[in-house]
Amino acid sequence: MKAVITVLGKDRVGVLAEVSAICAEHKVNIIDVTQSVMSELFCMIMVCDISGIDCDFGHFAEFIKTKGEEKNLRIRAMHEDIFNSMHNI
């Protein structure tokens, strides 16, 4: 199973490391990542393998969202089934 994690916020040192650490904490494996900085806006999309996750995915999605808010980032985790459904006609 896979998930898509998006991160938006003001660019600063350590954003990728912070999000990666949260994923590692919950046994979420990052498969692919793309990031860019536009002006001072940090944008990242991660595709992750959640087959080994150590908690319910809904709990993880809420946890990473809350952690992002604490760090002034907008972090969202979406299960691949939802992502695929949103992008199919």
PDB file of N, CA and C in Angstrom:
ATOM      1  N   MET A   1       0.846  -1.182   0.000  1.00  0.00           N
ATOM      2  CA  MET A   1       0.000   0.000   0.000  1.00  0.00           C
ATOM      3  C   MET A   1       0.884   1.236   0.000  1.00  0.00           C
ATOM      4  N   LYS A   2       0.392   2.264  -0.654  1.00  0.00           N
ATOM      5  CA  LYS A   2       1.149   3.505  -0.760  1.00  0.00           C
ATOM      6  C   LYS A   2       0.312   4.688  -0.284  1.00  0.00           C
ATOM      7  N   ALA A   3       1.019   5.767   0.000  1.00  0.00           N
ATOM      8  CA  ALA A   3       0.383   7.022   0.376  1.00  0.00           C
ATOM      9  C   ALA A   3       1.150   8.159  -0.277  1.00  0.00           C
ATOM     10  N   VAL A   4       0.484   9.286  -0.433  1.00  0.00           N
ATOM     11  CA  VAL A   4       1.104  10.503  -0.947  1.00  0.00           C
ATOM     12  C   VAL A   4       1.098  11.524   0.185  1.00  0.00           C
ATOM     13  N   ILE A   5       2.269  12.089   0.462  1.00  0.00           N
ATOM     14  CA  ILE A   5       2.399  13.114   1.500  1.00  0.00           C
ATOM     15  C   ILE A   5       2.828  14.401   0.815  1.00  0.00           C
ATOM     16  N   THR A   6       2.113  15.491   1.093  1.00  0.00           N
ATOM     17  CA  THR A   6       2.468  16.794   0.544  1.00  0.00           C
ATOM     18  C   THR A   6       2.860  17.720   1.692  1.00  0.00           C
ATOM     19  N   VAL A   7       3.833  18.572   1.412  1.00  0.00           N
ATOM     20  CA  VAL A   7       4.330  19.517   2.416  1.00  0.00           C
ATOM     21  C   VAL A   7       4.458  20.889   1.767  1.00  0.00           C
ATOM     22  N   LEU A   8       3.886  21.891   2.395  1.00  0.00           N
ATOM     23  CA  LEU A   8       3.999  23.277   1.944  1.00  0.00           C
ATOM     24  C   LEU A   8       4.349  24.152   3.136  1.00  0.00           C
ATOM     25  N   GLY A   9       5.207  25.118   2.915  1.00  0.00           N
ATOM     26  CA  GLY A   9       5.543  26.046   3.990  1.00  0.00           C
ATOM     27  C   GLY A   9       6.701  26.936   3.602  1.00  0.00           C
ATOM     28  N   LYS A  10       7.051  27.803   4.506  1.00  0.00           N
ATOM     29  CA  LYS A  10       8.190  28.693   4.279  1.00  0.00           C
ATOM     30  C   LYS A  10       9.468  27.862   4.294  1.00  0.00           C
ATOM     31  N   ASP A  11      10.327  28.100   3.325  1.00  0.00           N
ATOM     32  CA  ASP A  11      11.568  27.343   3.224  1.00  0.00           C
ATOM     33  C   ASP A  11      12.488  27.662   4.394  1.00  0.00           C
ATOM     34  N   ARG A  12      13.103  26.607   4.933  1.00  0.00           N
ATOM     35  CA  ARG A  12      14.101  26.741   5.992  1.00  0.00           C
ATOM     36  C   ARG A  12      14.898  25.452   6.061  1.00  0.00           C
ATOM     37  N   VAL A  13      15.985  25.485   6.743  1.00  0.00           N
ATOM     38  CA  VAL A  13      16.836  24.308   6.892  1.00  0.00           C
ATOM     39  C   VAL A  13      16.103  23.240   7.702  1.00  0.00           C
ATOM     40  N   GLY A  14      16.133  21.988   7.220  1.00  0.00           N
ATOM     41  CA  GLY A  14      15.644  20.868   8.002  1.00  0.00           C
ATOM     42  C   GLY A  14      14.232  20.389   7.742  1.00  0.00           C
ATOM     43  N   VAL A  15      13.516  21.012   6.814  1.00  0.00           N
ATOM     44  CA  VAL A  15      12.124  20.603   6.578  1.00  0.00           C
ATOM     45  C   VAL A  15      12.070  19.144   6.126  1.00  0.00           C
ATOM     46  N   LEU A  16      12.853  18.793   5.126  1.00  0.00           N
ATOM     47  CA  LEU A  16      12.857  17.412   4.634  1.00  0.00           C
ATOM     48  C   LEU A  16      13.240  16.442   5.746  1.00  0.00           C
ATOM     49  N   ALA A  17      14.231  16.791   6.538  1.00  0.00           N
ATOM     50  CA  ALA A  17      14.677  15.931   7.635  1.00  0.00           C
ATOM     51  C   ALA A  17      13.579  15.734   8.677  1.00  0.00           C
ATOM     52  N   GLU A  18      12.845  16.782   8.995  1.00  0.00           N
ATOM     53  CA  GLU A  18      11.781  16.685   9.998  1.00  0.00           C
ATOM     54  C   GLU A  18      10.659  15.764   9.532  1.00  0.00           C
ATOM     55  N   VAL A  19      10.251  15.909   8.284  1.00  0.00           N
ATOM     56  CA  VAL A  19       9.165  15.081   7.759  1.00  0.00           C
ATOM     57  C   VAL A  19       9.633  13.633   7.618  1.00  0.00           C
ATOM     58  N   SER A  20      10.852  13.453   7.157  1.00  0.00           N
ATOM     59  CA  SER A  20      11.413  12.105   7.034  1.00  0.00           C
ATOM     60  C   SER A  20      11.490  11.414   8.392  1.00  0.00           C
ATOM     61  N   ALA A  21      11.852  12.153   9.423  1.00  0.00           N
ATOM     62  CA  ALA A  21      11.950  11.585  10.769  1.00  0.00           C
ATOM     63  C   ALA A  21      10.584  11.109  11.269  1.00  0.00           C
ATOM     64  N   ILE A  22       9.545  11.869  10.990  1.00  0.00           N
ATOM     65  CA  ILE A  22       8.195  11.456  11.389  1.00  0.00           C
ATOM     66  C   ILE A  22       7.811  10.167  10.666  1.00  0.00           C
ATOM     67  N   CYS A  23       8.128  10.098   9.390  1.00  0.00           N
ATOM     68  CA  CYS A  23       7.833   8.880   8.617  1.00  0.00           C
ATOM     69  C   CYS A  23       8.592   7.687   9.206  1.00  0.00           C
ATOM     70  N   ALA A  24       9.867   7.855   9.461  1.00  0.00           N
ATOM     71  CA  ALA A  24      10.685   6.764  10.001  1.00  0.00           C
ATOM     72  C   ALA A  24      10.164   6.304  11.363  1.00  0.00           C
ATOM     73  N   GLU A  25       9.729   7.256  12.170  1.00  0.00           N
ATOM     74  CA  GLU A  25       9.174   6.961  13.498  1.00  0.00           C
ATOM     75  C   GLU A  25       8.008   5.976  13.405  1.00  0.00           C
ATOM     76  N   HIS A  26       7.245   6.071  12.334  1.00  0.00           N
ATOM     77  CA  HIS A  26       6.040   5.253  12.167  1.00  0.00           C
ATOM     78  C   HIS A  26       6.209   4.149  11.124  1.00  0.00           C
ATOM     79  N   LYS A  27       7.452   3.863  10.770  1.00  0.00           N
ATOM     80  CA  LYS A  27       7.763   2.766   9.831  1.00  0.00           C
ATOM     81  C   LYS A  27       7.165   3.001   8.443  1.00  0.00           C
ATOM     82  N   VAL A  28       7.095   4.254   8.045  1.00  0.00           N
ATOM     83  CA  VAL A  28       6.628   4.639   6.706  1.00  0.00           C
ATOM     84  C   VAL A  28       7.871   4.824   5.836  1.00  0.00           C
ATOM     85  N   ASN A  29       7.985   4.050   4.770  1.00  0.00           N
ATOM     86  CA  ASN A  29       9.160   4.079   3.909  1.00  0.00           C
ATOM     87  C   ASN A  29       8.950   5.040   2.741  1.00  0.00           C
ATOM     88  N   ILE A  30       9.842   5.999   2.601  1.00  0.00           N
ATOM     89  CA  ILE A  30       9.762   6.966   1.503  1.00  0.00           C
ATOM     90  C   ILE A  30      10.331   6.321   0.246  1.00  0.00           C
ATOM     91  N   ILE A  31       9.496   6.212  -0.778  1.00  0.00           N
ATOM     92  CA  ILE A  31       9.890   5.590  -2.043  1.00  0.00           C
ATOM     93  C   ILE A  31      10.425   6.623  -3.016  1.00  0.00           C
ATOM     94  N   ASP A  32       9.748   7.749  -3.106  1.00  0.00           N
ATOM     95  CA  ASP A  32      10.126   8.783  -4.056  1.00  0.00           C
ATOM     96  C   ASP A  32       9.799  10.138  -3.453  1.00  0.00           C
ATOM     97  N   VAL A  33      10.608  11.115  -3.776  1.00  0.00           N
ATOM     98  CA  VAL A  33      10.363  12.463  -3.265  1.00  0.00           C
ATOM     99  C   VAL A  33      10.780  13.484  -4.319  1.00  0.00           C
ATOM    100  N   THR A  34       9.985  14.520  -4.432  1.00  0.00           N
ATOM    101  CA  THR A  34      10.344  15.657  -5.271  1.00  0.00           C
ATOM    102  C   THR A  34      10.083  16.903  -4.442  1.00  0.00           C
ATOM    103  N   GLN A  35      10.976  17.849  -4.566  1.00  0.00           N
ATOM    104  CA  GLN A  35      10.807  19.092  -3.820  1.00  0.00           C
ATOM    105  C   GLN A  35      11.307  20.247  -4.650  1.00  0.00           C
ATOM    106  N   SER A  36      10.759  21.414  -4.366  1.00  0.00           N
ATOM    107  CA  SER A  36      11.243  22.622  -5.021  1.00  0.00           C
ATOM    108  C   SER A  36      10.981  23.794  -4.095  1.00  0.00           C
ATOM    109  N   VAL A  37      11.692  24.857  -4.359  1.00  0.00           N
ATOM    110  CA  VAL A  37      11.510  26.096  -3.611  1.00  0.00           C
ATOM    111  C   VAL A  37      11.178  27.172  -4.626  1.00  0.00           C
ATOM    112  N   MET A  38      10.013  27.788  -4.438  1.00  0.00           N
ATOM    113  CA  MET A  38       9.580  28.871  -5.314  1.00  0.00           C
ATOM    114  C   MET A  38       9.512  30.132  -4.466  1.00  0.00           C
ATOM    115  N   SER A  39      10.395  31.072  -4.774  1.00  0.00           N
ATOM    116  CA  SER A  39      10.618  32.237  -3.911  1.00  0.00           C
ATOM    117  C   SER A  39      11.006  31.686  -2.553  1.00  0.00           C
ATOM    118  N   GLU A  40      10.200  31.862  -1.545  1.00  0.00           N
ATOM    119  CA  GLU A  40      10.516  31.312  -0.225  1.00  0.00           C
ATOM    120  C   GLU A  40       9.564  30.192   0.169  1.00  0.00           C
ATOM    121  N   LEU A  41       8.793  29.685  -0.794  1.00  0.00           N
ATOM    122  CA  LEU A  41       7.820  28.635  -0.517  1.00  0.00           C
ATOM    123  C   LEU A  41       8.417  27.264  -0.804  1.00  0.00           C
ATOM    124  N   PHE A  42       8.474  26.427   0.219  1.00  0.00           N
ATOM    125  CA  PHE A  42       8.963  25.063   0.102  1.00  0.00           C
ATOM    126  C   PHE A  42       7.789  24.167  -0.272  1.00  0.00           C
ATOM    127  N   CYS A  43       7.958  23.346  -1.324  1.00  0.00           N
ATOM    128  CA  CYS A  43       6.914  22.433  -1.788  1.00  0.00           C
ATOM    129  C   CYS A  43       7.531  21.044  -1.939  1.00  0.00           C
ATOM    130  N   MET A  44       6.882  20.039  -1.375  1.00  0.00           N
ATOM    131  CA  MET A  44       7.400  18.681  -1.481  1.00  0.00           C
ATOM    132  C   MET A  44       6.260  17.689  -1.633  1.00  0.00           C
ATOM    133  N   ILE A  45       6.496  16.677  -2.469  1.00  0.00           N
ATOM    134  CA  ILE A  45       5.564  15.560  -2.629  1.00  0.00           C
ATOM    135  C   ILE A  45       6.368  14.285  -2.411  1.00  0.00           C
ATOM    136  N   MET A  46       5.854  13.422  -1.547  1.00  0.00           N
ATOM    137  CA  MET A  46       6.511  12.152  -1.258  1.00  0.00           C
ATOM    138  C   MET A  46       5.544  11.011  -1.567  1.00  0.00           C
ATOM    139  N   VAL A  47       6.049   9.960  -2.188  1.00  0.00           N
ATOM    140  CA  VAL A  47       5.289   8.727  -2.355  1.00  0.00           C
ATOM    141  C   VAL A  47       5.899   7.747  -1.363  1.00  0.00           C
ATOM    142  N   CYS A  48       5.058   7.172  -0.528  1.00  0.00           N
ATOM    143  CA  CYS A  48       5.540   6.328   0.565  1.00  0.00           C
ATOM    144  C   CYS A  48       4.875   4.957   0.570  1.00  0.00           C
ATOM    145  N   ASP A  49       5.631   3.976   1.016  1.00  0.00           N
ATOM    146  CA  ASP A  49       5.116   2.626   1.231  1.00  0.00           C
ATOM    147  C   ASP A  49       4.642   2.560   2.679  1.00  0.00           C
ATOM    148  N   ILE A  50       3.355   2.302   2.863  1.00  0.00           N
ATOM    149  CA  ILE A  50       2.799   2.263   4.218  1.00  0.00           C
ATOM    150  C   ILE A  50       2.444   0.843   4.654  1.00  0.00           C
ATOM    151  N   SER A  51       2.972  -0.149   3.941  1.00  0.00           N
ATOM    152  CA  SER A  51       2.630  -1.530   4.302  1.00  0.00           C
ATOM    153  C   SER A  51       3.186  -1.933   5.664  1.00  0.00           C
ATOM    154  N   GLY A  52       4.217  -1.258   6.149  1.00  0.00           N
ATOM    155  CA  GLY A  52       4.780  -1.586   7.460  1.00  0.00           C
ATOM    156  C   GLY A  52       4.437  -0.591   8.548  1.00  0.00           C
ATOM    157  N   ILE A  53       3.500   0.313   8.271  1.00  0.00           N
ATOM    158  CA  ILE A  53       3.155   1.363   9.231  1.00  0.00           C
ATOM    159  C   ILE A  53       2.771   0.756  10.586  1.00  0.00           C
ATOM    160  N   ASP A  54       3.162   1.438  11.669  1.00  0.00           N
ATOM    161  CA  ASP A  54       2.959   0.888  13.012  1.00  0.00           C
ATOM    162  C   ASP A  54       1.675   1.364  13.695  1.00  0.00           C
ATOM    163  N   CYS A  55       0.793   2.011  12.950  1.00  0.00           N
ATOM    164  CA  CYS A  55      -0.473   2.490  13.516  1.00  0.00           C
ATOM    165  C   CYS A  55      -1.505   2.556  12.398  1.00  0.00           C
ATOM    166  N   ASP A  56      -2.724   2.900  12.745  1.00  0.00           N
ATOM    167  CA  ASP A  56      -3.780   3.110  11.769  1.00  0.00           C
ATOM    168  C   ASP A  56      -3.395   4.297  10.875  1.00  0.00           C
ATOM    169  N   PHE A  57      -3.622   4.189   9.558  1.00  0.00           N
ATOM    170  CA  PHE A  57      -3.230   5.256   8.655  1.00  0.00           C
ATOM    171  C   PHE A  57      -3.925   6.573   8.994  1.00  0.00           C
ATOM    172  N   GLY A  58      -5.185   6.519   9.391  1.00  0.00           N
ATOM    173  CA  GLY A  58      -5.904   7.730   9.772  1.00  0.00           C
ATOM    174  C   GLY A  58      -5.231   8.442  10.932  1.00  0.00           C
ATOM    175  N   HIS A  59      -4.747   7.676  11.903  1.00  0.00           N
ATOM    176  CA  HIS A  59      -4.020   8.251  13.039  1.00  0.00           C
ATOM    177  C   HIS A  59      -2.730   8.911  12.557  1.00  0.00           C
ATOM    178  N   PHE A  60      -2.000   8.210  11.678  1.00  0.00           N
ATOM    179  CA  PHE A  60      -0.759   8.768  11.145  1.00  0.00           C
ATOM    180  C   PHE A  60      -1.023  10.075  10.403  1.00  0.00           C
ATOM    181  N   ALA A  61      -2.048  10.105   9.557  1.00  0.00           N
ATOM    182  CA  ALA A  61      -2.376  11.304   8.772  1.00  0.00           C
ATOM    183  C   ALA A  61      -2.673  12.487   9.696  1.00  0.00           C
ATOM    184  N   GLU A  62      -3.416  12.235  10.768  1.00  0.00           N
ATOM    185  CA  GLU A  62      -3.733  13.298  11.723  1.00  0.00           C
ATOM    186  C   GLU A  62      -2.481  13.724  12.492  1.00  0.00           C
ATOM    187  N   PHE A  63      -1.661  12.748  12.874  1.00  0.00           N
ATOM    188  CA  PHE A  63      -0.429  13.030  13.618  1.00  0.00           C
ATOM    189  C   PHE A  63       0.515  13.907  12.804  1.00  0.00           C
ATOM    190  N   ILE A  64       0.745  13.546  11.534  1.00  0.00           N
ATOM    191  CA  ILE A  64       1.682  14.311  10.713  1.00  0.00           C
ATOM    192  C   ILE A  64       1.121  15.705  10.392  1.00  0.00           C
ATOM    193  N   LYS A  65      -0.195  15.806  10.270  1.00  0.00           N
ATOM    194  CA  LYS A  65      -0.833  17.112  10.059  1.00  0.00           C
ATOM    195  C   LYS A  65      -0.600  18.013  11.273  1.00  0.00           C
ATOM    196  N   THR A  66      -0.804  17.465  12.466  1.00  0.00           N
ATOM    197  CA  THR A  66      -0.614  18.226  13.706  1.00  0.00           C
ATOM    198  C   THR A  66       0.837  18.637  13.884  1.00  0.00           C
ATOM    199  N   LYS A  67       1.758  17.701  13.630  1.00  0.00           N
ATOM    200  CA  LYS A  67       3.187  18.019  13.737  1.00  0.00           C
ATOM    201  C   LYS A  67       3.559  19.128  12.755  1.00  0.00           C
ATOM    202  N   GLY A  68       2.986  19.091  11.575  1.00  0.00           N
ATOM    203  CA  GLY A  68       3.240  20.133  10.597  1.00  0.00           C
ATOM    204  C   GLY A  68       2.761  21.492  11.083  1.00  0.00           C
ATOM    205  N   GLU A  69       1.577  21.532  11.651  1.00  0.00           N
ATOM    206  CA  GLU A  69       1.033  22.794  12.168  1.00  0.00           C
ATOM    207  C   GLU A  69       1.928  23.372  13.251  1.00  0.00           C
ATOM    208  N   GLU A  70       2.495  22.500  14.089  1.00  0.00           N
ATOM    209  CA  GLU A  70       3.411  22.952  15.147  1.00  0.00           C
ATOM    210  C   GLU A  70       4.663  23.585  14.555  1.00  0.00           C
ATOM    211  N   LYS A  71       5.026  23.186  13.332  1.00  0.00           N
ATOM    212  CA  LYS A  71       6.235  23.679  12.682  1.00  0.00           C
ATOM    213  C   LYS A  71       5.913  24.690  11.574  1.00  0.00           C
ATOM    214  N   ASN A  72       4.683  25.187  11.567  1.00  0.00           N
ATOM    215  CA  ASN A  72       4.222  26.141  10.549  1.00  0.00           C
ATOM    216  C   ASN A  72       4.326  25.582   9.133  1.00  0.00           C
ATOM    217  N   LEU A  73       3.982  24.301   8.985  1.00  0.00           N
ATOM    218  CA  LEU A  73       3.949  23.640   7.687  1.00  0.00           C
ATOM    219  C   LEU A  73       2.558  23.069   7.467  1.00  0.00           C
ATOM    220  N   ARG A  74       2.170  22.972   6.216  1.00  0.00           N
ATOM    221  CA  ARG A  74       0.920  22.293   5.867  1.00  0.00           C
ATOM    222  C   ARG A  74       1.298  20.921   5.324  1.00  0.00           C
ATOM    223  N   ILE A  75       1.083  19.882   6.140  1.00  0.00           N
ATOM    224  CA  ILE A  75       1.433  18.525   5.745  1.00  0.00           C
ATOM    225  C   ILE A  75       0.151  17.704   5.672  1.00  0.00           C
ATOM    226  N   ARG A  76      -0.035  17.048   4.544  1.00  0.00           N
ATOM    227  CA  ARG A  76      -1.207  16.193   4.355  1.00  0.00           C
ATOM    228  C   ARG A  76      -0.754  14.831   3.855  1.00  0.00           C
ATOM    229  N   ALA A  77      -1.348  13.787   4.401  1.00  0.00           N
ATOM    230  CA  ALA A  77      -1.086  12.420   3.961  1.00  0.00           C
ATOM    231  C   ALA A  77      -2.381  11.851   3.410  1.00  0.00           C
ATOM    232  N   MET A  78      -2.293  11.277   2.219  1.00  0.00           N
ATOM    233  CA  MET A  78      -3.474  10.740   1.561  1.00  0.00           C
ATOM    234  C   MET A  78      -3.177   9.315   1.088  1.00  0.00           C
ATOM    235  N   HIS A  79      -4.069   8.395   1.422  1.00  0.00           N
ATOM    236  CA  HIS A  79      -3.922   7.003   0.979  1.00  0.00           C
ATOM    237  C   HIS A  79      -4.006   6.965  -0.542  1.00  0.00           C
ATOM    238  N   GLU A  80      -3.243   6.086  -1.176  1.00  0.00           N
ATOM    239  CA  GLU A  80      -3.214   6.028  -2.636  1.00  0.00           C
ATOM    240  C   GLU A  80      -4.585   5.756  -3.245  1.00  0.00           C
ATOM    241  N   ASP A  81      -5.454   5.018  -2.565  1.00  0.00           N
ATOM    242  CA  ASP A  81      -6.792   4.747  -3.101  1.00  0.00           C
ATOM    243  C   ASP A  81      -7.587   6.039  -3.261  1.00  0.00           C
ATOM    244  N   ILE A  82      -7.502   6.910  -2.265  1.00  0.00           N
ATOM    245  CA  ILE A  82      -8.196   8.201  -2.327  1.00  0.00           C
ATOM    246  C   ILE A  82      -7.565   9.067  -3.414  1.00  0.00           C
ATOM    247  N   PHE A  83      -6.240   9.108  -3.432  1.00  0.00           N
ATOM    248  CA  PHE A  83      -5.526   9.895  -4.441  1.00  0.00           C
ATOM    249  C   PHE A  83      -5.920   9.457  -5.847  1.00  0.00           C
ATOM    250  N   ASN A  84      -5.909   8.151  -6.089  1.00  0.00           N
ATOM    251  CA  ASN A  84      -6.265   7.628  -7.416  1.00  0.00           C
ATOM    252  C   ASN A  84      -7.714   7.936  -7.763  1.00  0.00           C
ATOM    253  N   SER A  85      -8.621   7.811  -6.798  1.00  0.00           N
ATOM    254  CA  SER A  85     -10.030   8.101  -7.040  1.00  0.00           C
ATOM    255  C   SER A  85     -10.245   9.578  -7.417  1.00  0.00           C
ATOM    256  N   MET A  86      -9.494  10.446  -6.801  1.00  0.00           N
ATOM    257  CA  MET A  86      -9.634  11.877  -7.072  1.00  0.00           C
ATOM    258  C   MET A  86      -9.122  12.238  -8.461  1.00  0.00           C
ATOM    259  N   HIS A  87      -8.238  11.427  -9.027  1.00  0.00           N
ATOM    260  CA  HIS A  87      -7.613  11.782 -10.285  1.00  0.00           C
ATOM    261  C   HIS A  87      -8.029  10.875 -11.445  1.00  0.00           C
ATOM    262  N   ASN A  88      -9.117  10.149 -11.275  1.00  0.00           N
ATOM    263  CA  ASN A  88      -9.680   9.342 -12.350  1.00  0.00           C
ATOM    264  C   ASN A  88     -11.033   9.908 -12.750  1.00  0.00           C
ATOM    265  N   ILE A  89     -11.311   9.850 -14.018  1.00  0.00           N
ATOM    266  CA  ILE A  89     -12.604  10.366 -14.500  1.00  0.00           C
ATOM    267  C   ILE A  89     -13.577   9.217 -14.591  1.00  0.00           C
TER     268      ILE A  89
END
